[in-house]
């Protein structure tokens, strides 16, 4: 059976780093043609650096192309997730610096060049971050669609709810204009939303089984999974203490600080001395009347 040819477009990130290690290990099933990185979980220069670190750690793909792509979204201001992934994107793990010099080829140009050569045997593009690179490549060279069998996307949310706002998943939220362009491209897609990924959450037993494999790659993967699991438990505990769907309050103010003052600690009881709600998601509204979306804690917190 011929191996599936894949290109991974990603924004490592704890979770994407584990995904890359798994892809590098699956040499009996897939052939990784290259990696392109995009600004997302952390700044663009860091996602590129992290992908190179993971490639070097894998050890069996020393010459695999890793190309830095778009350093910011198409239109909106950049959004990152250092609060989850740490300032470097790899949870503060002490890992060696990437080897050699970074390529000067742009990730979007790499996508176009590579996919133009794949028209006889189309590749799969796996996208685990914001879709900025893919949207730019399709805009510059729409015919690259002929070199793609499908795009596999980690993004979006339905009944599970969002992980960056009550309803939005981070990868779509970080560049919604790029996502719209890709979804409208007509290319076959397989979309794995939070409703899918949250069915397999990191458990301590899973982490220790990975660590017990003993290799350097397995130990680092276990450390990355442990950091991800701890952060996910924090997030779930925070969400448990909030009503869902969240209570939306049109504060009529322009200051999120004023909005927090207006948010009582209990939906049933408010007083001048009530403790303000600490969980406020900022949002931008054109008319300026919805300054924030206070999430009111439930009575069971």
C-alpha atoms as a PDB file:
ATOM      1  CA  UNK A   1       0.000   0.000   0.000  1.00  0.00           C
ATOM      2  CA  UNK A   2       1.370   3.377  -0.999  1.00  0.00           C
ATOM      3  CA  UNK A   3       1.986   5.776   1.849  1.00  0.00           C
ATOM      4  CA  UNK A   4      -0.195   8.848   2.178  1.00  0.00           C
ATOM      5  CA  UNK A   5       1.703  12.003   1.292  1.00  0.00           C
ATOM      6  CA  UNK A   6       1.005  14.786   3.788  1.00  0.00           C
ATOM      7  CA  UNK A   7       2.009  18.366   4.479  1.00  0.00           C
ATOM      8  CA  UNK A   8       1.422  19.668   7.996  1.00  0.00           C
ATOM      9  CA  UNK A   9       0.499  23.330   8.476  1.00  0.00           C
ATOM     10  CA  UNK A  10       0.655  24.060  12.184  1.00  0.00           C
ATOM     11  CA  UNK A  11       1.318  26.485  15.047  1.00  0.00           C
ATOM     12  CA  UNK A  12       3.209  24.512  17.755  1.00  0.00           C
ATOM     13  CA  UNK A  13       1.939  24.700  20.625  1.00  0.00           C
ATOM     14  CA  UNK A  14       1.906  21.821  23.070  1.00  0.00           C
ATOM     15  CA  UNK A  15      -0.728  19.849  21.192  1.00  0.00           C
ATOM     16  CA  UNK A  16       0.774  20.420  17.749  1.00  0.00           C
ATOM     17  CA  UNK A  17       4.200  19.344  19.026  1.00  0.00           C
ATOM     18  CA  UNK A  18       2.723  15.989  20.087  1.00  0.00           C
ATOM     19  CA  UNK A  19       0.951  15.705  16.721  1.00  0.00           C
ATOM     20  CA  UNK A  20       4.264  16.250  14.902  1.00  0.00           C
ATOM     21  CA  UNK A  21       6.002  13.578  16.973  1.00  0.00           C
ATOM     22  CA  UNK A  22       3.211  11.121  16.146  1.00  0.00           C
ATOM     23  CA  UNK A  23       3.436  11.967  12.442  1.00  0.00           C
ATOM     24  CA  UNK A  24       7.209  11.473  12.418  1.00  0.00           C
ATOM     25  CA  UNK A  25       6.784   8.099  14.140  1.00  0.00           C
ATOM     26  CA  UNK A  26       4.167   6.814  11.670  1.00  0.00           C
ATOM     27  CA  UNK A  27       6.679   6.158   8.893  1.00  0.00           C
ATOM     28  CA  UNK A  28       4.903   2.939   7.895  1.00  0.00           C
ATOM     29  CA  UNK A  29       1.734   4.836   6.961  1.00  0.00           C
ATOM     30  CA  UNK A  30       2.558   8.394   5.973  1.00  0.00           C
ATOM     31  CA  UNK A  31       5.285  10.336   4.261  1.00  0.00           C
ATOM     32  CA  UNK A  32       5.635  13.864   5.616  1.00  0.00           C
ATOM     33  CA  UNK A  33       6.625  16.116   2.711  1.00  0.00           C
ATOM     34  CA  UNK A  34       7.183  19.198   4.824  1.00  0.00           C
ATOM     35  CA  UNK A  35       5.936  21.443   7.588  1.00  0.00           C
ATOM     36  CA  UNK A  36       4.731  25.009   7.318  1.00  0.00           C
ATOM     37  CA  UNK A  37       4.139  27.127  10.385  1.00  0.00           C
ATOM     38  CA  UNK A  38       1.844  30.037  11.089  1.00  0.00           C
ATOM     39  CA  UNK A  39       1.334  32.544  13.878  1.00  0.00           C
ATOM     40  CA  UNK A  40      -1.255  31.197  16.284  1.00  0.00           C
ATOM     41  CA  UNK A  41      -0.682  29.672  19.697  1.00  0.00           C
ATOM     42  CA  UNK A  42       2.415  31.878  19.940  1.00  0.00           C
ATOM     43  CA  UNK A  43       4.093  34.360  17.617  1.00  0.00           C
ATOM     44  CA  UNK A  44       5.154  33.199  14.180  1.00  0.00           C
ATOM     45  CA  UNK A  45       8.888  33.125  14.867  1.00  0.00           C
ATOM     46  CA  UNK A  46       8.252  30.858  17.862  1.00  0.00           C
ATOM     47  CA  UNK A  47       5.955  28.399  16.075  1.00  0.00           C
ATOM     48  CA  UNK A  48       8.644  28.040  13.392  1.00  0.00           C
ATOM     49  CA  UNK A  49      11.350  27.529  16.004  1.00  0.00           C
ATOM     50  CA  UNK A  50       9.229  24.961  17.854  1.00  0.00           C
ATOM     51  CA  UNK A  51       8.526  22.935  14.709  1.00  0.00           C
ATOM     52  CA  UNK A  52      12.266  22.774  14.004  1.00  0.00           C
ATOM     53  CA  UNK A  53      12.930  21.674  17.601  1.00  0.00           C
ATOM     54  CA  UNK A  54      10.414  18.836  17.291  1.00  0.00           C
ATOM     55  CA  UNK A  55      11.791  17.780  13.889  1.00  0.00           C
ATOM     56  CA  UNK A  56      15.293  17.560  15.367  1.00  0.00           C
ATOM     57  CA  UNK A  57      13.967  15.658  18.380  1.00  0.00           C
ATOM     58  CA  UNK A  58      12.274  13.074  16.152  1.00  0.00           C
ATOM     59  CA  UNK A  59      15.704  12.290  14.698  1.00  0.00           C
ATOM     60  CA  UNK A  60      14.528  10.453  11.586  1.00  0.00           C
ATOM     61  CA  UNK A  61      13.746  13.526   9.440  1.00  0.00           C
ATOM     62  CA  UNK A  62      16.826  15.784   9.779  1.00  0.00           C
ATOM     63  CA  UNK A  63      16.420  17.322   6.313  1.00  0.00           C
ATOM     64  CA  UNK A  64      12.634  17.674   6.331  1.00  0.00           C
ATOM     65  CA  UNK A  65      11.640  21.171   5.113  1.00  0.00           C
ATOM     66  CA  UNK A  66      10.215  23.375   7.873  1.00  0.00           C
ATOM     67  CA  UNK A  67       9.111  26.742   6.502  1.00  0.00           C
ATOM     68  CA  UNK A  68       7.814  29.789   8.353  1.00  0.00           C
ATOM     69  CA  UNK A  69       4.613  31.203   6.922  1.00  0.00           C
ATOM     70  CA  UNK A  70       2.303  34.091   7.747  1.00  0.00           C
ATOM     71  CA  UNK A  71       3.366  36.079  10.832  1.00  0.00           C
ATOM     72  CA  UNK A  72      -0.137  37.468  11.430  1.00  0.00           C
ATOM     73  CA  UNK A  73      -3.775  36.939  10.403  1.00  0.00           C
ATOM     74  CA  UNK A  74      -5.155  38.268   7.123  1.00  0.00           C
ATOM     75  CA  UNK A  75      -7.242  41.082   8.614  1.00  0.00           C
ATOM     76  CA  UNK A  76      -7.812  40.937  12.333  1.00  0.00           C
ATOM     77  CA  UNK A  77      -5.303  41.746  15.062  1.00  0.00           C
ATOM     78  CA  UNK A  78      -3.117  38.810  16.137  1.00  0.00           C
ATOM     79  CA  UNK A  79      -4.412  36.524  18.879  1.00  0.00           C
ATOM     80  CA  UNK A  80      -2.158  34.129  20.791  1.00  0.00           C
ATOM     81  CA  UNK A  81      -2.563  31.594  23.590  1.00  0.00           C
ATOM     82  CA  UNK A  82       0.516  31.896  25.792  1.00  0.00           C
ATOM     83  CA  UNK A  83      -1.723  31.492  28.827  1.00  0.00           C
ATOM     84  CA  UNK A  84      -2.205  27.856  27.792  1.00  0.00           C
ATOM     85  CA  UNK A  85       0.988  26.980  25.901  1.00  0.00           C
ATOM     86  CA  UNK A  86       3.509  29.085  27.821  1.00  0.00           C
ATOM     87  CA  UNK A  87       5.608  31.978  26.562  1.00  0.00           C
ATOM     88  CA  UNK A  88       7.638  29.772  24.205  1.00  0.00           C
ATOM     89  CA  UNK A  89       4.699  27.603  23.135  1.00  0.00           C
ATOM     90  CA  UNK A  90       6.209  24.416  24.563  1.00  0.00           C
ATOM     91  CA  UNK A  91       5.124  24.794  28.164  1.00  0.00           C
ATOM     92  CA  UNK A  92       8.503  25.889  29.449  1.00  0.00           C
ATOM     93  CA  UNK A  93      10.162  22.526  28.690  1.00  0.00           C
ATOM     94  CA  UNK A  94      13.958  22.673  28.541  1.00  0.00           C
ATOM     95  CA  UNK A  95      14.599  21.475  24.979  1.00  0.00           C
ATOM     96  CA  UNK A  96      17.685  21.920  22.767  1.00  0.00           C
ATOM     97  CA  UNK A  97      17.801  24.776  20.297  1.00  0.00           C
ATOM     98  CA  UNK A  98      17.038  23.886  16.683  1.00  0.00           C
ATOM     99  CA  UNK A  99      20.013  22.799  14.599  1.00  0.00           C
ATOM    100  CA  UNK A 100      21.270  24.622  11.554  1.00  0.00           C
ATOM    101  CA  UNK A 101      19.966  27.764   9.931  1.00  0.00           C
ATOM    102  CA  UNK A 102      16.306  28.361   9.254  1.00  0.00           C
ATOM    103  CA  UNK A 103      15.306  28.362   5.587  1.00  0.00           C
ATOM    104  CA  UNK A 104      14.467  31.733   4.048  1.00  0.00           C
ATOM    105  CA  UNK A 105      11.776  30.240   1.806  1.00  0.00           C
ATOM    106  CA  UNK A 106       8.299  31.405   2.816  1.00  0.00           C
ATOM    107  CA  UNK A 107       5.863  28.737   3.930  1.00  0.00           C
ATOM    108  CA  UNK A 108       3.193  29.859   1.457  1.00  0.00           C
ATOM    109  CA  UNK A 109       5.660  29.569  -1.427  1.00  0.00           C
ATOM    110  CA  UNK A 110       6.616  26.102  -0.197  1.00  0.00           C
ATOM    111  CA  UNK A 111       2.967  25.036  -0.230  1.00  0.00           C
ATOM    112  CA  UNK A 112       2.499  26.306  -3.774  1.00  0.00           C
ATOM    113  CA  UNK A 113       5.734  24.795  -5.078  1.00  0.00           C
ATOM    114  CA  UNK A 114       5.148  21.402  -3.452  1.00  0.00           C
ATOM    115  CA  UNK A 115       1.479  21.052  -4.379  1.00  0.00           C
ATOM    116  CA  UNK A 116       2.221  21.946  -7.992  1.00  0.00           C
ATOM    117  CA  UNK A 117       4.345  18.787  -8.129  1.00  0.00           C
ATOM    118  CA  UNK A 118       1.625  16.590  -6.603  1.00  0.00           C
ATOM    119  CA  UNK A 119      -1.009  16.701  -9.342  1.00  0.00           C
ATOM    120  CA  UNK A 120      -0.336  13.095 -10.353  1.00  0.00           C
ATOM    121  CA  UNK A 121      -0.645  11.807  -6.789  1.00  0.00           C
ATOM    122  CA  UNK A 122      -2.477  14.419  -4.678  1.00  0.00           C
ATOM    123  CA  UNK A 123      -1.332  15.044  -1.127  1.00  0.00           C
ATOM    124  CA  UNK A 124      -3.271  15.557   2.087  1.00  0.00           C
ATOM    125  CA  UNK A 125      -2.864  18.919   3.789  1.00  0.00           C
ATOM    126  CA  UNK A 126      -3.238  18.638   7.564  1.00  0.00           C
ATOM    127  CA  UNK A 127      -4.037  21.992   9.180  1.00  0.00           C
ATOM    128  CA  UNK A 128      -3.831  22.212  12.973  1.00  0.00           C
ATOM    129  CA  UNK A 129      -3.606  25.989  13.354  1.00  0.00           C
ATOM    130  CA  UNK A 130      -5.156  29.126  11.871  1.00  0.00           C
ATOM    131  CA  UNK A 131      -5.661  28.773   8.108  1.00  0.00           C
ATOM    132  CA  UNK A 132      -3.753  31.902   7.062  1.00  0.00           C
ATOM    133  CA  UNK A 133      -1.088  30.086   5.015  1.00  0.00           C
ATOM    134  CA  UNK A 134      -3.646  27.964   3.195  1.00  0.00           C
ATOM    135  CA  UNK A 135      -5.854  30.944   2.324  1.00  0.00           C
ATOM    136  CA  UNK A 136      -2.868  32.880   0.982  1.00  0.00           C
ATOM    137  CA  UNK A 137      -1.649  29.914  -1.082  1.00  0.00           C
ATOM    138  CA  UNK A 138      -5.107  29.381  -2.610  1.00  0.00           C
ATOM    139  CA  UNK A 139      -5.370  33.076  -3.399  1.00  0.00           C
ATOM    140  CA  UNK A 140      -1.957  33.178  -5.094  1.00  0.00           C
ATOM    141  CA  UNK A 141      -2.284  29.862  -6.949  1.00  0.00           C
ATOM    142  CA  UNK A 142      -5.829  28.446  -7.019  1.00  0.00           C
ATOM    143  CA  UNK A 143      -4.658  25.530  -9.176  1.00  0.00           C
ATOM    144  CA  UNK A 144      -2.861  23.955  -6.199  1.00  0.00           C
ATOM    145  CA  UNK A 145      -6.241  22.413  -5.431  1.00  0.00           C
ATOM    146  CA  UNK A 146      -5.384  19.863  -8.137  1.00  0.00           C
ATOM    147  CA  UNK A 147      -2.498  18.678  -5.976  1.00  0.00           C
ATOM    148  CA  UNK A 148      -4.712  18.078  -2.951  1.00  0.00           C
ATOM    149  CA  UNK A 149      -6.808  15.012  -2.248  1.00  0.00           C
ATOM    150  CA  UNK A 150      -8.291  16.660   0.837  1.00  0.00           C
ATOM    151  CA  UNK A 151      -7.635  19.101   3.644  1.00  0.00           C
ATOM    152  CA  UNK A 152      -7.872  17.731   7.191  1.00  0.00           C
ATOM    153  CA  UNK A 153      -8.651  20.559   9.612  1.00  0.00           C
ATOM    154  CA  UNK A 154      -8.604  20.747  13.380  1.00  0.00           C
ATOM    155  CA  UNK A 155     -10.966  23.626  14.015  1.00  0.00           C
ATOM    156  CA  UNK A 156     -14.407  24.795  14.948  1.00  0.00           C
ATOM    157  CA  UNK A 157     -16.884  23.809  17.620  1.00  0.00           C
ATOM    158  CA  UNK A 158     -20.556  22.956  17.842  1.00  0.00           C
ATOM    159  CA  UNK A 159     -22.295  21.578  20.937  1.00  0.00           C
ATOM    160  CA  UNK A 160     -19.016  21.417  22.880  1.00  0.00           C
ATOM    161  CA  UNK A 161     -18.713  25.192  22.932  1.00  0.00           C
ATOM    162  CA  UNK A 162     -15.604  27.214  22.280  1.00  0.00           C
ATOM    163  CA  UNK A 163     -12.197  27.368  23.933  1.00  0.00           C
ATOM    164  CA  UNK A 164     -11.425  31.042  23.300  1.00  0.00           C
ATOM    165  CA  UNK A 165     -14.925  32.521  23.639  1.00  0.00           C
ATOM    166  CA  UNK A 166     -18.098  30.729  24.756  1.00  0.00           C
ATOM    167  CA  UNK A 167     -18.758  29.660  21.159  1.00  0.00           C
ATOM    168  CA  UNK A 168     -15.530  30.085  19.135  1.00  0.00           C
ATOM    169  CA  UNK A 169     -12.676  27.618  18.753  1.00  0.00           C
ATOM    170  CA  UNK A 170      -9.201  29.194  18.728  1.00  0.00           C
ATOM    171  CA  UNK A 171      -7.992  28.243  15.226  1.00  0.00           C
ATOM    172  CA  UNK A 172     -11.064  29.722  13.550  1.00  0.00           C
ATOM    173  CA  UNK A 173     -11.200  32.713  15.889  1.00  0.00           C
ATOM    174  CA  UNK A 174      -7.532  33.546  15.271  1.00  0.00           C
ATOM    175  CA  UNK A 175      -8.135  34.095  11.538  1.00  0.00           C
ATOM    176  CA  UNK A 176     -11.823  33.857  10.595  1.00  0.00           C
ATOM    177  CA  UNK A 177     -11.286  35.504   7.199  1.00  0.00           C
ATOM    178  CA  UNK A 178      -8.755  32.846   6.215  1.00  0.00           C
ATOM    179  CA  UNK A 179     -11.085  30.095   7.433  1.00  0.00           C
ATOM    180  CA  UNK A 180     -13.904  31.489   5.322  1.00  0.00           C
ATOM    181  CA  UNK A 181     -11.714  31.519   2.214  1.00  0.00           C
ATOM    182  CA  UNK A 182     -10.580  27.925   2.743  1.00  0.00           C
ATOM    183  CA  UNK A 183     -14.055  26.581   3.504  1.00  0.00           C
ATOM    184  CA  UNK A 184     -15.335  28.212   0.317  1.00  0.00           C
ATOM    185  CA  UNK A 185     -12.560  26.739  -1.850  1.00  0.00           C
ATOM    186  CA  UNK A 186     -14.508  23.629  -2.821  1.00  0.00           C
ATOM    187  CA  UNK A 187     -11.646  21.297  -1.856  1.00  0.00           C
ATOM    188  CA  UNK A 188     -12.790  18.113  -0.053  1.00  0.00           C
ATOM    189  CA  UNK A 189     -12.335  18.535   3.691  1.00  0.00           C
ATOM    190  CA  UNK A 190     -12.389  16.515   6.850  1.00  0.00           C
ATOM    191  CA  UNK A 191     -13.088  18.833   9.799  1.00  0.00           C
ATOM    192  CA  UNK A 192     -12.359  17.677  13.350  1.00  0.00           C
ATOM    193  CA  UNK A 193     -13.941  20.131  15.773  1.00  0.00           C
ATOM    194  CA  UNK A 194     -13.681  20.353  19.547  1.00  0.00           C
ATOM    195  CA  UNK A 195     -16.695  18.026  19.633  1.00  0.00           C
ATOM    196  CA  UNK A 196     -14.311  15.360  18.283  1.00  0.00           C
ATOM    197  CA  UNK A 197     -11.046  16.223  20.017  1.00  0.00           C
ATOM    198  CA  UNK A 198     -12.633  16.573  23.465  1.00  0.00           C
ATOM    199  CA  UNK A 199     -13.702  12.926  23.286  1.00  0.00           C
ATOM    200  CA  UNK A 200     -10.059  11.989  23.871  1.00  0.00           C
ATOM    201  CA  UNK A 201      -8.689  14.115  26.679  1.00  0.00           C
ATOM    202  CA  UNK A 202      -5.288  13.571  28.259  1.00  0.00           C
ATOM    203  CA  UNK A 203      -5.398  11.337  31.333  1.00  0.00           C
ATOM    204  CA  UNK A 204      -2.580  10.644  33.789  1.00  0.00           C
ATOM    205  CA  UNK A 205      -2.586   6.930  32.921  1.00  0.00           C
ATOM    206  CA  UNK A 206      -2.144   7.754  29.235  1.00  0.00           C
ATOM    207  CA  UNK A 207       0.790  10.036  29.988  1.00  0.00           C
ATOM    208  CA  UNK A 208       2.560   7.384  32.044  1.00  0.00           C
ATOM    209  CA  UNK A 209       2.039   4.727  29.359  1.00  0.00           C
ATOM    210  CA  UNK A 210       3.722   7.021  26.842  1.00  0.00           C
ATOM    211  CA  UNK A 211       6.548   7.842  29.260  1.00  0.00           C
ATOM    212  CA  UNK A 212       7.128   4.140  29.939  1.00  0.00           C
ATOM    213  CA  UNK A 213       8.167   3.642  26.302  1.00  0.00           C
ATOM    214  CA  UNK A 214      11.466   5.089  27.461  1.00  0.00           C
ATOM    215  CA  UNK A 215      12.751   6.816  24.331  1.00  0.00           C
ATOM    216  CA  UNK A 216      13.741  10.477  24.327  1.00  0.00           C
ATOM    217  CA  UNK A 217      10.812  11.225  22.021  1.00  0.00           C
ATOM    218  CA  UNK A 218       8.358   9.392  24.293  1.00  0.00           C
ATOM    219  CA  UNK A 219       9.560  11.201  27.423  1.00  0.00           C
ATOM    220  CA  UNK A 220       9.194  14.614  25.758  1.00  0.00           C
ATOM    221  CA  UNK A 221       5.781  13.644  24.380  1.00  0.00           C
ATOM    222  CA  UNK A 222       4.726  12.625  27.897  1.00  0.00           C
ATOM    223  CA  UNK A 223       5.938  15.954  29.297  1.00  0.00           C
ATOM    224  CA  UNK A 224       3.998  17.825  26.603  1.00  0.00           C
ATOM    225  CA  UNK A 225       0.871  15.752  27.251  1.00  0.00           C
ATOM    226  CA  UNK A 226       1.186  16.277  31.009  1.00  0.00           C
ATOM    227  CA  UNK A 227       1.348  20.048  30.517  1.00  0.00           C
ATOM    228  CA  UNK A 228      -1.643  19.906  28.185  1.00  0.00           C
ATOM    229  CA  UNK A 229      -3.640  17.758  30.615  1.00  0.00           C
ATOM    230  CA  UNK A 230      -2.970  20.080  33.530  1.00  0.00           C
ATOM    231  CA  UNK A 231      -4.039  23.113  31.515  1.00  0.00           C
ATOM    232  CA  UNK A 232      -7.165  21.331  30.282  1.00  0.00           C
ATOM    233  CA  UNK A 233      -8.149  20.405  33.835  1.00  0.00           C
ATOM    234  CA  UNK A 234      -7.759  24.041  34.849  1.00  0.00           C
ATOM    235  CA  UNK A 235      -9.951  25.098  31.932  1.00  0.00           C
ATOM    236  CA  UNK A 236     -12.651  22.511  32.685  1.00  0.00           C
ATOM    237  CA  UNK A 237     -12.749  23.538  36.346  1.00  0.00           C
ATOM    238  CA  UNK A 238     -13.159  27.167  35.352  1.00  0.00           C
ATOM    239  CA  UNK A 239     -15.962  26.287  32.954  1.00  0.00           C
ATOM    240  CA  UNK A 240     -17.673  24.149  35.624  1.00  0.00           C
ATOM    241  CA  UNK A 241     -18.018  27.240  37.782  1.00  0.00           C
ATOM    242  CA  UNK A 242     -19.817  29.214  35.102  1.00  0.00           C
ATOM    243  CA  UNK A 243     -23.297  28.975  33.762  1.00  0.00           C
ATOM    244  CA  UNK A 244     -23.614  27.707  30.187  1.00  0.00           C
ATOM    245  CA  UNK A 245     -24.705  29.278  27.973  1.00  0.00           C
ATOM    246  CA  UNK A 246     -22.977  32.297  29.538  1.00  0.00           C
ATOM    247  CA  UNK A 247     -24.984  35.185  30.861  1.00  0.00           C
ATOM    248  CA  UNK A 248     -24.618  38.090  28.429  1.00  0.00           C
ATOM    249  CA  UNK A 249     -24.919  41.566  29.749  1.00  0.00           C
ATOM    250  CA  UNK A 250     -25.115  44.654  27.536  1.00  0.00           C
ATOM    251  CA  UNK A 251     -23.407  47.023  29.890  1.00  0.00           C
ATOM    252  CA  UNK A 252     -23.645  50.166  27.818  1.00  0.00           C
ATOM    253  CA  UNK A 253     -20.105  51.037  28.850  1.00  0.00           C
ATOM    254  CA  UNK A 254     -16.849  51.149  26.934  1.00  0.00           C
ATOM    255  CA  UNK A 255     -14.675  49.873  29.773  1.00  0.00           C
ATOM    256  CA  UNK A 256     -14.327  46.186  30.610  1.00  0.00           C
ATOM    257  CA  UNK A 257     -13.465  47.291  34.155  1.00  0.00           C
ATOM    258  CA  UNK A 258     -16.867  48.974  34.394  1.00  0.00           C
ATOM    259  CA  UNK A 259     -18.424  45.809  33.010  1.00  0.00           C
ATOM    260  CA  UNK A 260     -16.814  43.706  35.732  1.00  0.00           C
ATOM    261  CA  UNK A 261     -18.085  46.101  38.380  1.00  0.00           C
ATOM    262  CA  UNK A 262     -21.571  45.640  37.006  1.00  0.00           C
ATOM    263  CA  UNK A 263     -21.347  41.842  37.105  1.00  0.00           C
ATOM    264  CA  UNK A 264     -22.634  40.477  40.450  1.00  0.00           C
ATOM    265  CA  UNK A 265     -21.227  37.367  42.044  1.00  0.00           C
ATOM    266  CA  UNK A 266     -24.610  35.646  41.876  1.00  0.00           C
ATOM    267  CA  UNK A 267     -27.356  35.877  39.235  1.00  0.00           C
ATOM    268  CA  UNK A 268     -29.965  35.966  42.008  1.00  0.00           C
ATOM    269  CA  UNK A 269     -28.419  38.421  44.405  1.00  0.00           C
ATOM    270  CA  UNK A 270     -26.640  41.677  43.712  1.00  0.00           C
ATOM    271  CA  UNK A 271     -25.611  44.391  46.085  1.00  0.00           C
ATOM    272  CA  UNK A 272     -23.222  47.294  46.214  1.00  0.00           C
ATOM    273  CA  UNK A 273     -20.786  45.150  48.180  1.00  0.00           C
ATOM    274  CA  UNK A 274     -21.084  42.066  45.997  1.00  0.00           C
ATOM    275  CA  UNK A 275     -17.802  40.573  44.792  1.00  0.00           C
ATOM    276  CA  UNK A 276     -17.301  41.364  41.085  1.00  0.00           C
ATOM    277  CA  UNK A 277     -17.160  38.552  38.578  1.00  0.00           C
ATOM    278  CA  UNK A 278     -13.547  37.814  37.653  1.00  0.00           C
ATOM    279  CA  UNK A 279     -14.352  35.989  34.420  1.00  0.00           C
ATOM    280  CA  UNK A 280     -14.932  38.479  31.650  1.00  0.00           C
ATOM    281  CA  UNK A 281     -14.289  37.821  28.005  1.00  0.00           C
ATOM    282  CA  UNK A 282     -13.515  40.973  26.069  1.00  0.00           C
ATOM    283  CA  UNK A 283     -15.235  41.425  22.773  1.00  0.00           C
ATOM    284  CA  UNK A 284     -15.340  44.096  20.125  1.00  0.00           C
ATOM    285  CA  UNK A 285     -18.724  45.410  19.045  1.00  0.00           C
ATOM    286  CA  UNK A 286     -19.079  48.097  16.406  1.00  0.00           C
ATOM    287  CA  UNK A 287     -21.625  50.185  18.277  1.00  0.00           C
ATOM    288  CA  UNK A 288     -19.652  50.046  21.510  1.00  0.00           C
ATOM    289  CA  UNK A 289     -22.663  49.055  23.590  1.00  0.00           C
ATOM    290  CA  UNK A 290     -21.528  45.523  24.453  1.00  0.00           C
ATOM    291  CA  UNK A 291     -18.282  46.126  26.272  1.00  0.00           C
ATOM    292  CA  UNK A 292     -17.780  42.588  27.516  1.00  0.00           C
ATOM    293  CA  UNK A 293     -19.415  39.259  28.177  1.00  0.00           C
ATOM    294  CA  UNK A 294     -19.356  38.626  31.928  1.00  0.00           C
ATOM    295  CA  UNK A 295     -19.617  34.953  32.812  1.00  0.00           C
ATOM    296  CA  UNK A 296     -21.584  34.751  36.013  1.00  0.00           C
ATOM    297  CA  UNK A 297     -20.432  31.968  38.384  1.00  0.00           C
ATOM    298  CA  UNK A 298     -22.984  29.316  39.232  1.00  0.00           C
ATOM    299  CA  UNK A 299     -24.393  28.857  42.709  1.00  0.00           C
ATOM    300  CA  UNK A 300     -22.334  25.643  43.077  1.00  0.00           C
ATOM    301  CA  UNK A 301     -18.882  27.226  42.887  1.00  0.00           C
END
